[in-house]
Each structure stands twice: as C-alpha cells, then as structure tokens.
Amino acid sequence: MRWLLISFIFFSLSCMAQEAYRVYDYHNSLGANLRGDIPTVFILDYSNSMNERIEGETKFNILRRCFDSLVTQIPDEVPVGVRVYGHRWGFTNYDACRASNMIEGINKYNRDIIPDVLSKYRPRGMTPITYSLKETIENDFPQNRTPKHIVLVTDGGENCDESPCEYVMNLIKTRRDIKIDVIAINIKNHDDLDQLTCTANVTSGKLYNVDTEAQLMNVLERSMNSKKQVNATIVR
C-alpha cells in the first residue's frame, strides 16, 4: 500500500516533469540531436553481485562483452564517458559507498581507450547508485543547460542508505537537461524496481529489465539509437 501511494505521487509528479522537460527538450536539444552530439555517460555496476551467474556466466562478463561491442558502434562525434561504481571495498561502509570513479572523461574519439581502461577493474563492493548519479551530474558533465544523457546499468538497488528516486525528484526542480535511462540486469525485487523506475521516468527516461545477454545487447544499442527494436521488459 505504501508503494502504491508513493508510486501514484511519483507518477503524477513525473507527468508534470515530463511535460516541462519536453518543452525544454524541443527548444534546446533539436540541434544537438541533429548533430548527434548529446554527451552520454555510462554508469556501470561493478558491485560484488555482478559476480553472480545468469545463463551459466557471470553478469559481469556478459556486461563487459556487450559493452565492448557497443562501444565500437557509437559514432565518434558523440561525446562519451564511462563511470564505474562498486569496484572496491573500503575500510568502512562510508568508504565503500564512495567507490565510484569516472574512468574515462566525456570525449569524442575515445572508443579504443575505453575497453582497455575497463579491463583494469573488477566487481567487488557496494552499490552506490545515488552517489554515482550525483558525481556524474554535478562533476562529470559540463555545467550548462544543454541536454545530457545518462545510461545507468545495475543488477540491484541502492544499498548505501540513499534514494536515487528522491535525488532526481529534487534535481528536476532546477534541472531539465538530464535524461536517465536505467538498464536493470535480472532484478526481481519490487522495491528496487520501483526506485529505479522512478529514477528513469522522472527524467523522461525508461527502465528496461533484462534477463539475457541478447536483451542486454539490444537495450544498450537502444540507449544510443532510439529507432532500434528492443526485446526486453519495459517497466513503466
């Protein structure tokens, strides 16, 4: 019942936010879309749970294989950056919940660099989703009002005593330039999905819950090409 009420509130507010975002998006992103140069940051889950297996293989290996393939398909004129989180433990939970690094800044012509840099990291720790979103929005992206795109990949919900939903609800009060698409890998927990769905919907993004490597590859491609067909569950 609590989540039904909260979901209704989120839905009502997100509808208003999406209307405001669409007005802003039409006037400010049309030129950027035509040029194909909206900066995009991929925030990738390197938490310990990514060592779990689906289809007989770790989620981490599946993600790496799909992402490495995606990188080769992204046009060079699109500025792309990559942040990973959960890639290390800390001496305290506070340290573990700050394990989020921008491993490749937002640049063009960096496609050859990204796979090599990613290969230095392994899944180990917590899932600081909210902290990673804050760092990307407040520090990684240029501080201007042009459109920006985040693709968040995770196999679980926030476990660092923060709420990504609450964060974006506050964010849209002053920012209309951020769109967040969320790719959930094999998530079954309804509370986690509610939080992630809110995070996407409030910013006019979508949440996709995938269970197979083929679905993950299709959704990653979809994140960079809205005309692609996606065989995955879209959570609204």
Protein backbone atom coordinates (compact mmCIF):
# COMPACT_ATOMS: atom_id res chain seq x y z
CA MET A 1 0.00 0.00 0.00
CA ARG A 2 2.81 2.40 0.87
CA TRP A 3 4.47 1.88 -2.50
CA LEU A 4 1.14 2.22 -4.32
CA LEU A 5 0.68 5.65 -2.76
CA ILE A 6 4.28 6.64 -3.40
CA SER A 7 4.11 5.35 -6.97
CA PHE A 8 0.96 7.41 -7.58
CA ILE A 9 2.70 10.53 -6.29
CA PHE A 10 5.77 9.78 -8.41
CA PHE A 11 3.59 9.20 -11.46
CA SER A 12 1.74 12.48 -11.01
CA LEU A 13 4.89 14.47 -10.48
CA SER A 14 6.75 12.73 -13.26
CA CYS A 15 3.97 13.54 -15.72
CA MET A 16 4.32 17.23 -14.89
CA ALA A 17 8.10 16.96 -15.06
CA GLN A 18 7.99 15.21 -18.40
CA GLU A 19 5.76 17.90 -19.88
CA ALA A 20 8.18 20.59 -18.74
CA TYR A 21 11.12 18.52 -19.97
CA ARG A 22 9.56 18.04 -23.41
CA VAL A 23 9.13 21.80 -23.84
CA TYR A 24 12.75 22.34 -22.85
CA ASP A 25 13.94 19.39 -24.90
CA TYR A 26 12.28 20.62 -28.09
CA HIS A 27 13.89 24.04 -27.93
CA ASN A 28 17.29 23.01 -26.65
CA SER A 29 18.06 19.53 -27.94
CA LEU A 30 16.77 19.61 -31.50
CA GLY A 31 20.05 20.93 -32.85
CA ALA A 32 22.07 18.57 -30.69
CA ASN A 33 20.02 15.57 -31.83
CA LEU A 34 20.52 16.50 -35.46
CA ARG A 35 24.25 16.71 -34.89
CA GLY A 36 24.25 13.54 -32.78
CA ASP A 37 26.48 15.09 -30.15
CA ILE A 38 24.46 14.88 -26.92
CA PRO A 39 27.07 13.90 -24.29
CA THR A 40 26.40 10.47 -22.79
CA VAL A 41 27.84 8.92 -19.64
CA PHE A 42 27.53 5.19 -19.00
CA ILE A 43 27.45 4.37 -15.27
CA LEU A 44 28.31 0.69 -14.94
CA ASP A 45 27.71 -1.64 -12.00
CA TYR A 46 30.92 -3.21 -10.70
CA SER A 47 29.47 -4.27 -7.35
CA ASN A 48 30.10 -7.73 -5.91
CA SER A 49 26.73 -9.10 -7.04
CA MET A 50 27.87 -8.78 -10.64
CA ASN A 51 29.90 -11.96 -9.96
CA GLU A 52 26.63 -13.91 -9.81
CA ARG A 53 25.75 -16.04 -12.81
CA ILE A 54 22.95 -15.98 -15.35
CA GLU A 55 22.91 -18.21 -18.40
CA GLY A 56 25.88 -20.03 -16.88
CA GLU A 57 28.13 -16.95 -16.93
CA THR A 58 28.80 -14.06 -14.59
CA LYS A 59 26.72 -10.94 -15.14
CA PHE A 60 30.00 -9.01 -15.17
CA ASN A 61 31.40 -10.96 -18.13
CA ILE A 62 28.14 -10.59 -20.03
CA LEU A 63 28.09 -6.84 -19.41
CA ARG A 64 31.70 -6.41 -20.48
CA ARG A 65 31.20 -8.35 -23.68
CA CYS A 66 28.06 -6.40 -24.59
CA PHE A 67 29.51 -3.04 -23.65
CA ASP A 68 32.76 -3.61 -25.54
CA SER A 69 30.69 -4.43 -28.60
CA LEU A 70 28.52 -1.36 -28.15
CA VAL A 71 31.49 0.99 -27.87
CA THR A 72 32.65 0.07 -31.38
CA GLN A 73 29.24 1.08 -32.77
CA ILE A 74 28.97 4.57 -31.23
CA PRO A 75 29.78 7.31 -33.76
CA ASP A 76 32.97 9.20 -32.98
CA GLU A 77 31.15 12.54 -32.92
CA VAL A 78 29.13 11.52 -29.85
CA PRO A 79 30.94 12.59 -26.65
CA VAL A 80 31.02 9.53 -24.35
CA GLY A 81 32.26 9.00 -20.81
CA VAL A 82 32.30 5.95 -18.51
CA ARG A 83 31.93 5.78 -14.74
CA VAL A 84 32.09 2.58 -12.68
CA TYR A 85 30.88 2.01 -9.13
CA GLY A 86 31.29 -0.74 -6.57
CA HIS A 87 34.72 -1.69 -7.90
CA ARG A 88 36.42 -1.63 -4.49
CA TRP A 89 35.69 -2.17 -0.83
CA GLY A 90 36.54 0.41 1.80
CA PHE A 91 37.70 0.28 5.41
CA THR A 92 34.20 1.48 6.35
CA ASN A 93 30.77 1.43 4.73
CA TYR A 94 31.21 5.15 4.10
CA ASP A 95 34.33 4.45 2.04
CA ALA A 96 32.65 1.58 0.18
CA CYS A 97 29.72 3.85 -0.63
CA ARG A 98 32.09 6.34 -2.28
CA ALA A 99 33.55 3.72 -4.62
CA SER A 100 32.64 5.47 -7.84
CA ASN A 101 35.21 6.61 -10.40
CA MET A 102 34.98 8.36 -13.74
CA ILE A 103 37.44 6.14 -15.59
CA GLU A 104 37.12 7.89 -18.95
CA GLY A 105 36.05 11.50 -19.28
CA ILE A 106 33.43 12.71 -21.74
CA ASN A 107 35.26 12.84 -25.07
CA LYS A 108 34.99 12.09 -28.74
CA TYR A 109 37.34 9.62 -30.42
CA ASN A 110 37.96 7.64 -27.22
CA ARG A 111 36.46 4.32 -28.34
CA ASP A 112 39.77 2.47 -28.42
CA ILE A 113 40.66 3.61 -24.91
CA ILE A 114 37.50 2.59 -23.06
CA PRO A 115 37.78 -1.25 -23.22
CA ASP A 116 41.43 -1.15 -22.11
CA VAL A 117 40.64 1.10 -19.15
CA LEU A 118 37.65 -1.02 -18.10
CA SER A 119 39.79 -4.16 -18.11
CA LYS A 120 41.65 -2.86 -15.04
CA TYR A 121 38.56 -3.08 -12.81
CA ARG A 122 36.69 -5.99 -11.24
CA PRO A 123 33.38 -6.19 -9.32
CA ARG A 124 33.91 -6.16 -5.56
CA GLY A 125 31.83 -3.86 -3.39
CA MET A 126 28.61 -1.99 -2.68
CA THR A 127 26.03 -0.31 -4.96
CA PRO A 128 26.31 3.48 -4.54
CA ILE A 129 23.88 4.45 -7.30
CA THR A 130 22.80 7.82 -5.91
CA TYR A 131 26.35 8.94 -5.18
CA SER A 132 27.37 7.96 -8.73
CA LEU A 133 24.49 9.94 -10.23
CA LYS A 134 25.41 12.97 -8.13
CA GLU A 135 29.04 12.80 -9.16
CA THR A 136 28.17 12.47 -12.84
CA ILE A 137 25.62 15.27 -12.89
CA GLU A 138 27.48 17.68 -10.63
CA ASN A 139 31.09 16.99 -11.61
CA ASP A 140 31.43 14.99 -14.84
CA PHE A 141 29.07 16.85 -17.14
CA PRO A 142 29.72 20.45 -18.17
CA GLN A 143 27.62 22.80 -16.07
CA ASN A 144 25.40 24.24 -18.77
CA ARG A 145 21.78 23.82 -19.84
CA THR A 146 22.35 21.72 -22.94
CA PRO A 147 20.86 18.17 -22.99
CA LYS A 148 22.79 15.37 -21.28
CA HIS A 149 22.20 11.63 -21.24
CA ILE A 150 22.99 9.00 -18.59
CA VAL A 151 22.74 5.25 -19.12
CA LEU A 152 22.77 3.59 -15.70
CA VAL A 153 23.39 -0.17 -15.63
CA THR A 154 22.76 -2.08 -12.39
CA ASP A 155 21.84 -5.55 -11.18
CA GLY A 156 20.34 -4.31 -7.90
CA GLY A 157 19.01 -1.37 -5.97
CA GLU A 158 20.80 1.24 -3.92
CA ASN A 159 22.36 -0.22 -0.77
CA CYS A 160 24.11 2.86 0.60
CA ASP A 161 21.21 4.43 2.56
CA GLU A 162 20.30 6.87 -0.21
CA SER A 163 17.46 7.06 -2.70
CA PRO A 164 18.11 7.74 -6.39
CA CYS A 165 14.41 8.45 -6.79
CA GLU A 166 14.43 11.18 -4.13
CA TYR A 167 17.61 12.63 -5.63
CA VAL A 168 16.14 13.04 -9.13
CA MET A 169 12.84 14.30 -7.74
CA ASN A 170 14.77 17.16 -6.16
CA LEU A 171 17.00 17.53 -9.22
CA ILE A 172 14.17 18.25 -11.65
CA LYS A 173 13.08 21.23 -9.57
CA THR A 174 16.04 23.13 -11.01
CA ARG A 175 17.40 20.96 -13.87
CA ARG A 176 15.67 19.89 -17.06
CA ASP A 177 18.75 18.92 -19.01
CA ILE A 178 19.30 15.37 -17.68
CA LYS A 179 17.73 12.22 -19.11
CA ILE A 180 18.44 8.92 -17.34
CA ASP A 181 17.83 5.52 -18.92
CA VAL A 182 18.19 2.60 -16.49
CA ILE A 183 19.12 -0.93 -17.55
CA ALA A 184 18.30 -3.39 -14.78
CA ILE A 185 20.00 -6.76 -15.09
CA ASN A 186 17.84 -9.60 -13.76
CA ILE A 187 16.29 -7.56 -10.89
CA LYS A 188 13.32 -9.20 -9.17
CA ASN A 189 12.98 -7.06 -6.03
CA HIS A 190 9.90 -4.84 -6.45
CA ASP A 191 11.12 -2.05 -4.16
CA ASP A 192 14.39 -1.84 -6.10
CA LEU A 193 12.49 -1.73 -9.39
CA ASP A 194 10.17 0.98 -8.04
CA GLN A 195 13.15 3.15 -7.12
CA LEU A 196 14.87 2.63 -10.47
CA THR A 197 11.67 3.14 -12.46
CA CYS A 198 11.12 6.43 -10.67
CA THR A 199 14.72 7.45 -11.41
CA ALA A 200 14.18 6.90 -15.12
CA ASN A 201 10.61 8.13 -15.53
CA VAL A 202 11.02 11.40 -13.65
CA THR A 203 13.77 12.41 -16.09
CA SER A 204 11.79 11.27 -19.16
CA GLY A 205 13.92 8.15 -19.46
CA LYS A 206 12.96 4.47 -19.42
CA LEU A 207 13.80 1.45 -17.32
CA TYR A 208 14.50 -1.84 -19.07
CA ASN A 209 14.68 -5.06 -17.05
CA VAL A 210 16.73 -7.64 -18.97
CA ASP A 211 17.39 -11.30 -18.24
CA THR A 212 19.60 -12.46 -21.10
CA GLU A 213 22.72 -11.36 -22.93
CA ALA A 214 20.74 -10.79 -26.13
CA GLN A 215 18.31 -8.49 -24.33
CA LEU A 216 21.15 -6.58 -22.69
CA MET A 217 22.87 -6.04 -26.05
CA ASN A 218 19.64 -4.84 -27.66
CA VAL A 219 18.91 -2.42 -24.83
CA LEU A 220 22.42 -0.98 -24.83
CA GLU A 221 22.06 -0.36 -28.55
CA ARG A 222 18.65 1.17 -27.92
CA SER A 223 20.20 3.58 -25.45
CA MET A 224 22.23 5.09 -28.29
CA ASN A 225 19.70 4.59 -31.11
CA SER A 226 16.05 5.21 -30.34
CA LYS A 227 14.91 3.53 -33.57
CA LYS A 228 16.18 0.09 -32.51
CA GLN A 229 13.63 -2.56 -31.52
CA VAL A 230 14.13 -3.94 -28.02
CA ASN A 231 13.08 -7.41 -26.88
CA ALA A 232 13.10 -6.72 -23.16
CA THR A 233 10.66 -5.80 -20.45
CA ILE A 234 9.95 -2.07 -20.32
CA VAL A 235 8.87 -1.10 -16.81
CA ARG A 236 6.63 1.97 -16.74
